[in-house]
Protein backbone atom coordinates (compact mmCIF):
# COMPACT_ATOMS: atom_id res chain seq x y z
CA MET A 1 -101.50 15.22 41.62
CA PRO A 2 -99.82 14.77 45.02
CA ASN A 3 -97.49 17.49 46.24
CA ARG A 4 -94.47 15.16 46.11
CA VAL A 5 -95.02 14.64 42.39
CA LYS A 6 -95.36 18.39 41.84
CA VAL A 7 -92.13 19.07 43.75
CA ALA A 8 -90.29 16.33 41.87
CA THR A 9 -91.55 17.68 38.54
CA LEU A 10 -90.51 21.23 39.44
CA ALA A 11 -87.09 20.03 40.60
CA LYS A 12 -86.61 18.13 37.35
CA GLY A 13 -87.55 21.23 35.36
CA ALA A 14 -85.16 23.37 37.41
CA ASP A 15 -82.33 20.89 36.79
CA ALA A 16 -83.03 20.95 33.06
CA ALA A 17 -83.08 24.76 33.06
CA GLU A 18 -79.83 24.91 35.01
CA GLN A 19 -78.24 22.46 32.56
CA ALA A 20 -79.41 24.58 29.60
CA ILE A 21 -77.96 27.72 31.21
CA MET A 22 -74.61 25.99 31.77
CA GLU A 23 -74.51 24.82 28.14
CA ALA A 24 -75.38 28.31 26.89
CA ARG A 25 -72.62 29.85 29.04
CA ARG A 26 -70.13 27.30 27.73
CA ALA A 27 -71.12 28.00 24.11
CA LEU A 28 -70.81 31.76 24.67
CA SER A 29 -67.41 31.31 26.29
CA ASP A 30 -66.22 29.23 23.32
CA GLN A 31 -67.54 31.87 20.93
CA GLU A 32 -65.71 34.63 22.84
CA ASP A 33 -62.51 32.56 22.73
CA ASP A 34 -62.85 32.16 18.96
CA SER A 35 -63.47 35.89 18.54
CA ALA A 36 -60.45 36.82 20.66
CA ARG A 37 -58.29 34.35 18.74
CA ALA A 38 -59.41 35.84 15.42
CA GLN A 39 -58.68 39.36 16.67
CA ARG A 40 -55.16 38.38 17.77
CA ARG A 41 -54.55 36.67 14.43
CA SER A 42 -55.66 39.72 12.45
CA GLN A 43 -53.56 41.99 14.68
CA ARG A 44 -50.46 39.84 14.05
CA LYS A 45 -51.16 39.93 10.33
CA ARG A 46 -51.56 43.72 10.43
CA ASP A 47 -48.31 44.10 12.41
CA ARG A 48 -46.46 41.87 9.96
CA LEU A 49 -47.69 43.85 6.95
CA GLU A 50 -46.87 47.18 8.59
CA SER A 51 -43.33 46.10 9.40
CA ARG A 52 -42.85 44.82 5.86
CA TYR A 53 -44.24 47.78 3.92
CA MET A 54 -43.71 50.65 6.35
CA PRO A 55 -40.28 50.19 7.92
CA ARG A 56 -39.58 52.47 10.85
CA GLY A 57 -36.56 54.74 11.20
CA ASN A 58 -35.94 55.47 7.51
CA GLY A 59 -37.45 58.99 7.76
């Protein structure tokens, strides 16, 4: 196998690996966004329930 073919094969493999890393980062970022969104939603729900059932200032 000539060296040019080896280099081309290695470069192709490196490009594929880089692409896979980018896709994994994107998926992780999306997952983190979903998690943060769910946390904000549950916090809003908790705040709403607290204000409804535990009014402040009526000590």
